[in-house]
Amino acid sequence: MRNLPTLFAGAAFAVAVLTGCTETDAPGSAASPRATPAPTHYPLPARPVRPGETPITSAPVDDGDTRFQVIGLQKGLEGFFGSHAEWKAKGQYVVVRIVAENPGRTNSRFDAKRQRLIAADGKTYGIDRFAQAIKRQPDTLPLGAGVRIEMDLWFDIPEGTKVSAIKLFGDPPLGVVGETRGVQVTLP
């Protein structure tokens, strides 16, 4: 019968060779192969801020089946040029640039007419539908599942009025009757 320690050493050597185990492959060593983590964000290129616009870095907020993020603000505009018209404000134009996203699996609907600009004195203002039309911004549009869009909301408010926030309204989840309550985002 063979020597038991020699048999044990031979078996240990065979296991080490067959598994390819080395010191550098030990867990936690620098040479350990690691799975590359999957990316979690699309590498979208940065775009320049438009002339006269203040970039806003608010966190995304959800209302119903819609996620919103405010990304830009223009205040105190006396008028503007559209693709086919020049138009003066009755007071002053305030333009809020938003991203609207449907993170869900069903269609939802965005309605610009529901969005409200909130003044420092608490008064609220709806969009100026004529300015929206001249600037080719949508009144309503479907947001398909996973769709993300950017747009401007044009408000004509009294001159000298200070804005404090915008209240954004999404579409209620599928099967829910009624309207959402809206979510407020503070503006500088």
C-alpha atoms as a PDB file:
ATOM      1  CA  MET A   1       0.000   0.000   0.000  1.00  0.00           C
ATOM      2  CA  ARG A   2       1.272   3.415  -0.828  1.00  0.00           C
ATOM      3  CA  ASN A   3       2.374   5.944   1.679  1.00  0.00           C
ATOM      4  CA  LEU A   4      -0.776   7.929   2.738  1.00  0.00           C
ATOM      5  CA  PRO A   5       0.950  11.378   2.964  1.00  0.00           C
ATOM      6  CA  THR A   6       2.346  10.942  -0.564  1.00  0.00           C
ATOM      7  CA  LEU A   7      -1.114  10.004  -1.884  1.00  0.00           C
ATOM      8  CA  PHE A   8      -2.685  13.035  -0.187  1.00  0.00           C
ATOM      9  CA  ALA A   9      -0.050  15.422  -1.573  1.00  0.00           C
ATOM     10  CA  GLY A  10      -0.529  14.017  -5.083  1.00  0.00           C
ATOM     11  CA  ALA A  11      -4.297  14.501  -4.869  1.00  0.00           C
ATOM     12  CA  ALA A  12      -3.903  18.103  -3.638  1.00  0.00           C
ATOM     13  CA  PHE A  13      -1.491  18.848  -6.501  1.00  0.00           C
ATOM     14  CA  ALA A  14      -3.948  17.395  -9.072  1.00  0.00           C
ATOM     15  CA  VAL A  15      -6.829  19.509  -7.732  1.00  0.00           C
ATOM     16  CA  ALA A  16      -4.704  22.682  -7.891  1.00  0.00           C
ATOM     17  CA  VAL A  17      -3.629  21.982 -11.480  1.00  0.00           C
ATOM     18  CA  LEU A  18      -7.110  21.028 -12.695  1.00  0.00           C
ATOM     19  CA  THR A  19      -8.834  24.100 -11.184  1.00  0.00           C
ATOM     20  CA  GLY A  20      -6.159  26.561 -12.294  1.00  0.00           C
ATOM     21  CA  CYS A  21      -6.017  28.106  -8.860  1.00  0.00           C
ATOM     22  CA  THR A  22      -3.110  30.425  -8.243  1.00  0.00           C
ATOM     23  CA  GLU A  23      -2.345  33.025  -5.612  1.00  0.00           C
ATOM     24  CA  THR A  24      -3.275  35.866  -7.975  1.00  0.00           C
ATOM     25  CA  ASP A  25      -6.730  34.362  -8.511  1.00  0.00           C
ATOM     26  CA  ALA A  26      -7.579  34.435  -4.830  1.00  0.00           C
ATOM     27  CA  PRO A  27     -10.762  36.376  -4.013  1.00  0.00           C
ATOM     28  CA  GLY A  28     -10.033  40.057  -3.486  1.00  0.00           C
ATOM     29  CA  SER A  29      -6.729  40.023  -5.364  1.00  0.00           C
ATOM     30  CA  ALA A  30      -6.047  42.661  -8.011  1.00  0.00           C
ATOM     31  CA  ALA A  31      -5.789  40.036 -10.746  1.00  0.00           C
ATOM     32  CA  SER A  32      -9.262  38.560 -10.126  1.00  0.00           C
ATOM     33  CA  PRO A  33     -11.420  38.856 -13.216  1.00  0.00           C
ATOM     34  CA  ARG A  34     -14.514  40.933 -12.476  1.00  0.00           C
ATOM     35  CA  ALA A  35     -17.679  41.259 -14.469  1.00  0.00           C
ATOM     36  CA  THR A  36     -17.948  44.689 -16.040  1.00  0.00           C
ATOM     37  CA  PRO A  37     -21.015  46.394 -14.576  1.00  0.00           C
ATOM     38  CA  ALA A  38     -23.751  47.230 -17.051  1.00  0.00           C
ATOM     39  CA  PRO A  39     -24.112  50.961 -17.768  1.00  0.00           C
ATOM     40  CA  THR A  40     -26.929  52.660 -15.879  1.00  0.00           C
ATOM     41  CA  HIS A  41     -27.207  55.898 -17.889  1.00  0.00           C
ATOM     42  CA  TYR A  42     -27.160  56.818 -21.553  1.00  0.00           C
ATOM     43  CA  PRO A  43     -24.156  59.013 -22.348  1.00  0.00           C
ATOM     44  CA  LEU A  44     -26.205  61.956 -23.650  1.00  0.00           C
ATOM     45  CA  PRO A  45     -24.090  64.869 -24.859  1.00  0.00           C
ATOM     46  CA  ALA A  46     -24.395  68.158 -23.002  1.00  0.00           C
ATOM     47  CA  ARG A  47     -26.068  70.936 -24.942  1.00  0.00           C
ATOM     48  CA  PRO A  48     -25.373  74.625 -24.580  1.00  0.00           C
ATOM     49  CA  VAL A  49     -27.789  76.713 -22.540  1.00  0.00           C
ATOM     50  CA  ARG A  50     -29.856  78.924 -24.833  1.00  0.00           C
ATOM     51  CA  PRO A  51     -29.201  82.697 -24.808  1.00  0.00           C
ATOM     52  CA  GLY A  52     -31.022  84.380 -21.913  1.00  0.00           C
ATOM     53  CA  GLU A  53     -31.889  81.075 -20.250  1.00  0.00           C
ATOM     54  CA  THR A  54     -30.870  80.100 -16.722  1.00  0.00           C
ATOM     55  CA  PRO A  55     -30.085  76.382 -16.389  1.00  0.00           C
ATOM     56  CA  ILE A  56     -32.062  74.675 -13.621  1.00  0.00           C
ATOM     57  CA  THR A  57     -30.755  71.569 -11.870  1.00  0.00           C
ATOM     58  CA  SER A  58     -33.890  70.363 -10.111  1.00  0.00           C
ATOM     59  CA  ALA A  59     -34.357  66.697  -9.356  1.00  0.00           C
ATOM     60  CA  PRO A  60     -36.896  64.742 -11.404  1.00  0.00           C
ATOM     61  CA  VAL A  61     -40.393  64.596  -9.878  1.00  0.00           C
ATOM     62  CA  ASP A  62     -43.301  62.263 -10.589  1.00  0.00           C
ATOM     63  CA  ASP A  63     -46.998  62.977 -10.963  1.00  0.00           C
ATOM     64  CA  GLY A  64     -49.156  60.054 -11.985  1.00  0.00           C
ATOM     65  CA  ASP A  65     -47.568  58.264 -14.910  1.00  0.00           C
ATOM     66  CA  THR A  66     -45.345  61.199 -15.841  1.00  0.00           C
ATOM     67  CA  ARG A  67     -41.872  62.131 -14.651  1.00  0.00           C
ATOM     68  CA  PHE A  68     -40.869  65.785 -15.015  1.00  0.00           C
ATOM     69  CA  GLN A  69     -37.617  67.669 -14.724  1.00  0.00           C
ATOM     70  CA  VAL A  70     -37.256  71.444 -15.018  1.00  0.00           C
ATOM     71  CA  ILE A  71     -34.034  72.242 -16.909  1.00  0.00           C
ATOM     72  CA  GLY A  72     -34.282  75.913 -17.933  1.00  0.00           C
ATOM     73  CA  LEU A  73     -35.934  79.246 -17.119  1.00  0.00           C
ATOM     74  CA  GLN A  74     -36.267  82.588 -18.892  1.00  0.00           C
ATOM     75  CA  LYS A  75     -38.015  85.521 -17.212  1.00  0.00           C
ATOM     76  CA  GLY A  76     -38.965  89.070 -18.177  1.00  0.00           C
ATOM     77  CA  LEU A  77     -39.224  88.593 -21.943  1.00  0.00           C
ATOM     78  CA  GLU A  78     -41.054  91.473 -23.655  1.00  0.00           C
ATOM     79  CA  GLY A  79     -41.787  89.516 -26.822  1.00  0.00           C
ATOM     80  CA  PHE A  80     -40.391  86.977 -29.248  1.00  0.00           C
ATOM     81  CA  PHE A  81     -40.000  85.988 -32.887  1.00  0.00           C
ATOM     82  CA  GLY A  82     -41.617  82.809 -34.107  1.00  0.00           C
ATOM     83  CA  SER A  83     -41.143  81.081 -37.443  1.00  0.00           C
ATOM     84  CA  HIS A  84     -43.793  83.336 -38.965  1.00  0.00           C
ATOM     85  CA  ALA A  85     -44.613  86.070 -36.455  1.00  0.00           C
ATOM     86  CA  GLU A  86     -43.316  88.548 -33.909  1.00  0.00           C
ATOM     87  CA  TRP A  87     -45.400  88.829 -30.779  1.00  0.00           C
ATOM     88  CA  LYS A  88     -45.359  91.152 -27.758  1.00  0.00           C
ATOM     89  CA  ALA A  89     -46.293  90.058 -24.250  1.00  0.00           C
ATOM     90  CA  LYS A  90     -49.264  91.672 -22.519  1.00  0.00           C
ATOM     91  CA  GLY A  91     -47.038  91.692 -19.419  1.00  0.00           C
ATOM     92  CA  GLN A  92     -43.891  89.556 -19.532  1.00  0.00           C
ATOM     93  CA  TYR A  93     -43.182  86.126 -20.868  1.00  0.00           C
ATOM     94  CA  VAL A  94     -41.760  83.477 -18.605  1.00  0.00           C
ATOM     95  CA  VAL A  95     -40.515  80.328 -20.328  1.00  0.00           C
ATOM     96  CA  VAL A  96     -39.962  77.111 -18.393  1.00  0.00           C
ATOM     97  CA  ARG A  97     -38.081  74.347 -20.227  1.00  0.00           C
ATOM     98  CA  ILE A  98     -39.057  70.875 -19.035  1.00  0.00           C
ATOM     99  CA  VAL A  99     -38.365  67.250 -19.759  1.00  0.00           C
ATOM    100  CA  ALA A 100     -41.500  65.079 -19.653  1.00  0.00           C
ATOM    101  CA  GLU A 101     -41.015  61.332 -19.526  1.00  0.00           C
ATOM    102  CA  ASN A 102     -43.282  58.324 -19.378  1.00  0.00           C
ATOM    103  CA  PRO A 103     -41.343  55.698 -17.400  1.00  0.00           C
ATOM    104  CA  GLY A 104     -44.292  53.306 -17.550  1.00  0.00           C
ATOM    105  CA  ARG A 105     -45.279  50.461 -19.866  1.00  0.00           C
ATOM    106  CA  THR A 106     -48.468  52.021 -21.259  1.00  0.00           C
ATOM    107  CA  ASN A 107     -49.228  55.242 -23.092  1.00  0.00           C
ATOM    108  CA  SER A 108     -49.900  58.423 -21.159  1.00  0.00           C
ATOM    109  CA  ARG A 109     -50.914  61.902 -22.241  1.00  0.00           C
ATOM    110  CA  PHE A 110     -49.221  65.254 -21.673  1.00  0.00           C
ATOM    111  CA  ASP A 111     -51.500  68.306 -21.522  1.00  0.00           C
ATOM    112  CA  ALA A 112     -49.664  71.660 -21.519  1.00  0.00           C
ATOM    113  CA  LYS A 113     -52.900  73.489 -20.633  1.00  0.00           C
ATOM    114  CA  ARG A 114     -52.917  71.902 -17.157  1.00  0.00           C
ATOM    115  CA  GLN A 115     -49.455  73.208 -16.182  1.00  0.00           C
ATOM    116  CA  ARG A 116     -49.403  76.209 -13.803  1.00  0.00           C
ATOM    117  CA  LEU A 117     -46.815  78.888 -13.069  1.00  0.00           C
ATOM    118  CA  ILE A 118     -46.974  80.029  -9.436  1.00  0.00           C
ATOM    119  CA  ALA A 119     -46.155  83.616  -8.504  1.00  0.00           C
ATOM    120  CA  ALA A 120     -44.575  84.694  -5.214  1.00  0.00           C
ATOM    121  CA  ASP A 121     -47.983  86.088  -4.124  1.00  0.00           C
ATOM    122  CA  GLY A 122     -49.599  82.661  -4.658  1.00  0.00           C
ATOM    123  CA  LYS A 123     -51.480  83.480  -7.884  1.00  0.00           C
ATOM    124  CA  THR A 124     -51.291  80.854 -10.607  1.00  0.00           C
ATOM    125  CA  TYR A 125     -51.071  81.297 -14.366  1.00  0.00           C
ATOM    126  CA  GLY A 126     -51.754  78.892 -17.215  1.00  0.00           C
ATOM    127  CA  ILE A 127     -49.763  78.732 -20.400  1.00  0.00           C
ATOM    128  CA  ASP A 128     -50.298  81.325 -23.112  1.00  0.00           C
ATOM    129  CA  ARG A 129     -51.786  79.149 -25.844  1.00  0.00           C
ATOM    130  CA  PHE A 130     -51.051  81.690 -28.565  1.00  0.00           C
ATOM    131  CA  ALA A 131     -47.364  81.886 -27.600  1.00  0.00           C
ATOM    132  CA  GLN A 132     -47.229  78.079 -27.441  1.00  0.00           C
ATOM    133  CA  ALA A 133     -48.645  77.907 -30.970  1.00  0.00           C
ATOM    134  CA  ILE A 134     -46.306  80.549 -32.426  1.00  0.00           C
ATOM    135  CA  LYS A 135     -43.283  78.857 -30.814  1.00  0.00           C
ATOM    136  CA  ARG A 136     -44.485  75.474 -32.151  1.00  0.00           C
ATOM    137  CA  GLN A 137     -44.825  73.918 -28.709  1.00  0.00           C
ATOM    138  CA  PRO A 138     -47.511  71.254 -28.153  1.00  0.00           C
ATOM    139  CA  ASP A 139     -50.814  71.716 -26.342  1.00  0.00           C
ATOM    140  CA  THR A 140     -51.301  67.979 -25.875  1.00  0.00           C
ATOM    141  CA  LEU A 141     -49.391  64.946 -27.006  1.00  0.00           C
ATOM    142  CA  PRO A 142     -49.239  61.232 -26.315  1.00  0.00           C
ATOM    143  CA  LEU A 143     -46.236  59.955 -24.403  1.00  0.00           C
ATOM    144  CA  GLY A 144     -45.581  56.374 -25.396  1.00  0.00           C
ATOM    145  CA  ALA A 145     -44.041  53.899 -22.989  1.00  0.00           C
ATOM    146  CA  GLY A 146     -40.458  54.935 -22.290  1.00  0.00           C
ATOM    147  CA  VAL A 147     -40.771  58.183 -24.283  1.00  0.00           C
ATOM    148  CA  ARG A 148     -38.881  61.278 -23.107  1.00  0.00           C
ATOM    149  CA  ILE A 149     -39.288  64.748 -24.631  1.00  0.00           C
ATOM    150  CA  GLU A 150     -38.134  68.318 -23.994  1.00  0.00           C
ATOM    151  CA  MET A 151     -40.343  71.332 -24.515  1.00  0.00           C
ATOM    152  CA  ASP A 152     -40.992  74.900 -23.471  1.00  0.00           C
ATOM    153  CA  LEU A 153     -43.989  76.144 -21.525  1.00  0.00           C
ATOM    154  CA  TRP A 154     -44.761  79.805 -22.334  1.00  0.00           C
ATOM    155  CA  PHE A 155     -46.564  81.946 -19.747  1.00  0.00           C
ATOM    156  CA  ASP A 156     -47.660  85.600 -20.156  1.00  0.00           C
ATOM    157  CA  ILE A 157     -47.873  87.074 -16.655  1.00  0.00           C
ATOM    158  CA  PRO A 158     -48.208  90.663 -15.374  1.00  0.00           C
ATOM    159  CA  GLU A 159     -45.054  92.746 -15.627  1.00  0.00           C
ATOM    160  CA  GLY A 160     -43.127  92.848 -12.355  1.00  0.00           C
ATOM    161  CA  THR A 161     -44.637  89.586 -11.080  1.00  0.00           C
ATOM    162  CA  LYS A 162     -42.052  87.376  -9.381  1.00  0.00           C
ATOM    163  CA  VAL A 163     -42.292  83.652 -10.043  1.00  0.00           C
ATOM    164  CA  SER A 164     -41.656  81.124  -7.297  1.00  0.00           C
ATOM    165  CA  ALA A 165     -42.569  77.694  -8.678  1.00  0.00           C
ATOM    166  CA  ILE A 166     -44.219  75.655 -11.373  1.00  0.00           C
ATOM    167  CA  LYS A 167     -46.849  73.011 -10.718  1.00  0.00           C
ATOM    168  CA  LEU A 168     -46.640  70.146 -13.180  1.00  0.00           C
ATOM    169  CA  PHE A 169     -49.474  67.746 -13.889  1.00  0.00           C
ATOM    170  CA  GLY A 170     -49.084  64.300 -15.392  1.00  0.00           C
ATOM    171  CA  ASP A 171     -51.538  61.693 -16.561  1.00  0.00           C
ATOM    172  CA  PRO A 172     -53.122  59.375 -13.978  1.00  0.00           C
ATOM    173  CA  PRO A 173     -51.988  55.733 -14.014  1.00  0.00           C
ATOM    174  CA  LEU A 174     -53.897  53.320 -16.227  1.00  0.00           C
ATOM    175  CA  GLY A 175     -57.248  52.479 -14.635  1.00  0.00           C
ATOM    176  CA  VAL A 176     -57.335  55.492 -12.291  1.00  0.00           C
ATOM    177  CA  VAL A 177     -60.272  57.816 -12.880  1.00  0.00           C
ATOM    178  CA  GLY A 178     -59.864  61.577 -12.419  1.00  0.00           C
ATOM    179  CA  GLU A 179     -56.897  63.905 -12.504  1.00  0.00           C
ATOM    180  CA  THR A 180     -53.607  63.924 -10.654  1.00  0.00           C
ATOM    181  CA  ARG A 181     -52.861  66.477  -7.925  1.00  0.00           C
ATOM    182  CA  GLY A 182     -49.721  67.843  -9.550  1.00  0.00           C
ATOM    183  CA  VAL A 183     -46.229  68.287  -8.183  1.00  0.00           C
ATOM    184  CA  GLN A 184     -44.559  71.597  -7.454  1.00  0.00           C
ATOM    185  CA  VAL A 185     -40.969  72.518  -8.410  1.00  0.00           C
ATOM    186  CA  THR A 186     -39.381  75.632  -6.923  1.00  0.00           C
ATOM    187  CA  LEU A 187     -37.918  78.147  -9.381  1.00  0.00           C
ATOM    188  CA  PRO A 188     -35.136  80.643  -8.632  1.00  0.00           C
END
